[in-house]
């Protein structure tokens, strides 16, 4: 007896990429100083397609989205849901303007200045 699995499953089609993802893509493009036309030419897509992706009117295929993300020097990463807050915190910390430059290494568990002063004063 054959079972038709597609009969019981309905493909999920997004109405648009999530707004935060679209915003990140646009910021990454602008950070590189690229216009939509320049990004499109690097991907082999017309400017209108890039505009549609950024505005949420077009949902790209997975392979197109992956190529778009990687050309912007980003990547997708599967993270267990329980770790999402920790990963987001690390990302926010990485982009904080008061931090040292990217080329300088920072200790993961560095003592804060207040803690260090307290230890030095004792």
Protein backbone atom coordinates (compact mmCIF):
# COMPACT_ATOMS: atom_id res chain seq x y z
CA UNK A 1 0.00 0.00 0.00
CA UNK A 2 1.49 3.29 -1.13
CA UNK A 3 0.99 6.47 0.86
CA UNK A 4 1.13 9.80 -0.89
CA UNK A 5 2.94 12.00 1.61
CA UNK A 6 2.42 15.18 -0.44
CA UNK A 7 -1.32 14.70 -0.06
CA UNK A 8 -1.00 15.30 3.69
CA UNK A 9 1.57 18.08 3.66
CA UNK A 10 1.08 21.60 2.50
CA UNK A 11 4.12 23.57 1.35
CA UNK A 12 4.83 26.65 3.45
CA UNK A 13 5.33 29.78 1.39
CA UNK A 14 6.31 32.95 3.18
CA UNK A 15 4.50 36.11 2.21
CA UNK A 16 7.78 37.99 2.64
CA UNK A 17 11.09 37.73 4.43
CA UNK A 18 10.97 38.86 8.06
CA UNK A 19 11.44 42.60 8.41
CA UNK A 20 14.56 42.30 10.57
CA UNK A 21 16.23 40.05 7.99
CA UNK A 22 15.38 42.48 5.19
CA UNK A 23 16.73 45.37 7.26
CA UNK A 24 19.98 43.47 7.95
CA UNK A 25 20.42 42.68 4.25
CA UNK A 26 19.92 46.31 3.31
CA UNK A 27 22.31 47.55 6.02
CA UNK A 28 24.95 45.05 4.91
CA UNK A 29 24.55 46.21 1.30
CA UNK A 30 24.80 49.88 2.28
CA UNK A 31 27.75 49.10 4.55
CA UNK A 32 29.63 47.84 1.52
CA UNK A 33 28.66 50.99 -0.37
CA UNK A 34 26.72 49.04 -3.00
CA UNK A 35 23.59 50.16 -4.75
CA UNK A 36 20.82 47.68 -5.42
CA UNK A 37 21.98 47.61 -9.02
CA UNK A 38 25.57 46.74 -8.01
CA UNK A 39 24.43 43.96 -5.70
CA UNK A 40 22.08 42.63 -8.37
CA UNK A 41 24.84 42.56 -10.97
CA UNK A 42 27.05 40.55 -8.61
CA UNK A 43 24.22 38.04 -8.18
CA UNK A 44 23.00 38.07 -11.76
CA UNK A 45 19.68 39.62 -10.72
CA UNK A 46 18.01 42.82 -11.89
CA UNK A 47 17.88 45.82 -9.54
CA UNK A 48 14.10 45.48 -9.31
CA UNK A 49 14.51 41.97 -7.87
CA UNK A 50 16.85 43.25 -5.13
CA UNK A 51 14.38 46.05 -4.41
CA UNK A 52 11.55 43.51 -4.17
CA UNK A 53 13.52 41.35 -1.75
CA UNK A 54 14.40 44.33 0.47
CA UNK A 55 10.81 45.59 0.45
CA UNK A 56 9.32 42.16 1.16
CA UNK A 57 7.42 41.93 -2.12
CA UNK A 58 9.62 39.09 -3.37
CA UNK A 59 10.56 35.97 -1.43
CA UNK A 60 13.75 34.61 -2.97
CA UNK A 61 14.44 30.92 -3.36
CA UNK A 62 16.67 29.50 -0.64
CA UNK A 63 19.72 29.20 -2.92
CA UNK A 64 19.32 32.83 -4.04
CA UNK A 65 18.96 34.02 -0.45
CA UNK A 66 22.01 32.03 0.61
CA UNK A 67 24.08 33.49 -2.22
CA UNK A 68 22.83 36.99 -1.37
CA UNK A 69 23.75 36.60 2.30
CA UNK A 70 27.19 35.22 1.52
CA UNK A 71 28.04 37.89 -1.03
CA UNK A 72 27.35 40.40 1.75
CA UNK A 73 29.92 38.58 3.91
CA UNK A 74 27.31 37.07 6.20
CA UNK A 75 26.09 33.53 6.77
CA UNK A 76 23.10 31.61 8.05
CA UNK A 77 23.56 29.61 11.20
CA UNK A 78 21.24 27.10 12.83
CA UNK A 79 21.11 27.82 16.54
CA UNK A 80 19.10 25.91 19.13
CA UNK A 81 16.24 28.17 20.26
CA UNK A 82 17.43 28.07 23.84
CA UNK A 83 20.71 29.69 22.76
CA UNK A 84 19.22 32.45 20.60
CA UNK A 85 19.26 35.08 23.41
CA UNK A 86 22.94 34.37 24.11
CA UNK A 87 23.87 34.55 20.42
CA UNK A 88 21.94 37.81 19.97
CA UNK A 89 23.72 39.24 23.01
CA UNK A 90 27.10 38.32 21.55
CA UNK A 91 26.17 39.94 18.23
CA UNK A 92 25.00 43.14 19.95
CA UNK A 93 28.21 43.22 22.00
CA UNK A 94 30.28 42.74 18.86
CA UNK A 95 28.74 45.81 17.22
CA UNK A 96 28.78 48.13 20.25
CA UNK A 97 30.68 51.31 19.32
CA UNK A 98 32.42 51.61 22.70
CA UNK A 99 34.22 48.31 22.23
CA UNK A 100 37.77 47.86 21.01
CA UNK A 101 38.40 47.56 17.29
CA UNK A 102 37.79 44.23 15.56
CA UNK A 103 41.50 43.60 15.12
CA UNK A 104 42.11 43.66 18.87
CA UNK A 105 41.38 40.53 20.84
CA UNK A 106 39.29 40.73 23.98
CA UNK A 107 39.19 38.23 26.79
CA UNK A 108 35.83 36.50 26.95
CA UNK A 109 35.63 36.85 30.73
CA UNK A 110 37.57 40.08 31.22
CA UNK A 111 37.10 41.83 34.55
CA UNK A 112 35.35 45.18 34.42
CA UNK A 113 37.37 48.27 35.36
CA UNK A 114 35.48 48.58 38.68
CA UNK A 115 36.25 44.98 39.61
CA UNK A 116 39.90 45.42 38.64
CA UNK A 117 40.27 48.65 40.71
CA UNK A 118 38.72 46.93 43.72
CA UNK A 119 41.19 44.06 43.45
CA UNK A 120 44.14 46.48 43.05
CA UNK A 121 43.10 48.57 46.06
CA UNK A 122 42.98 45.55 48.41
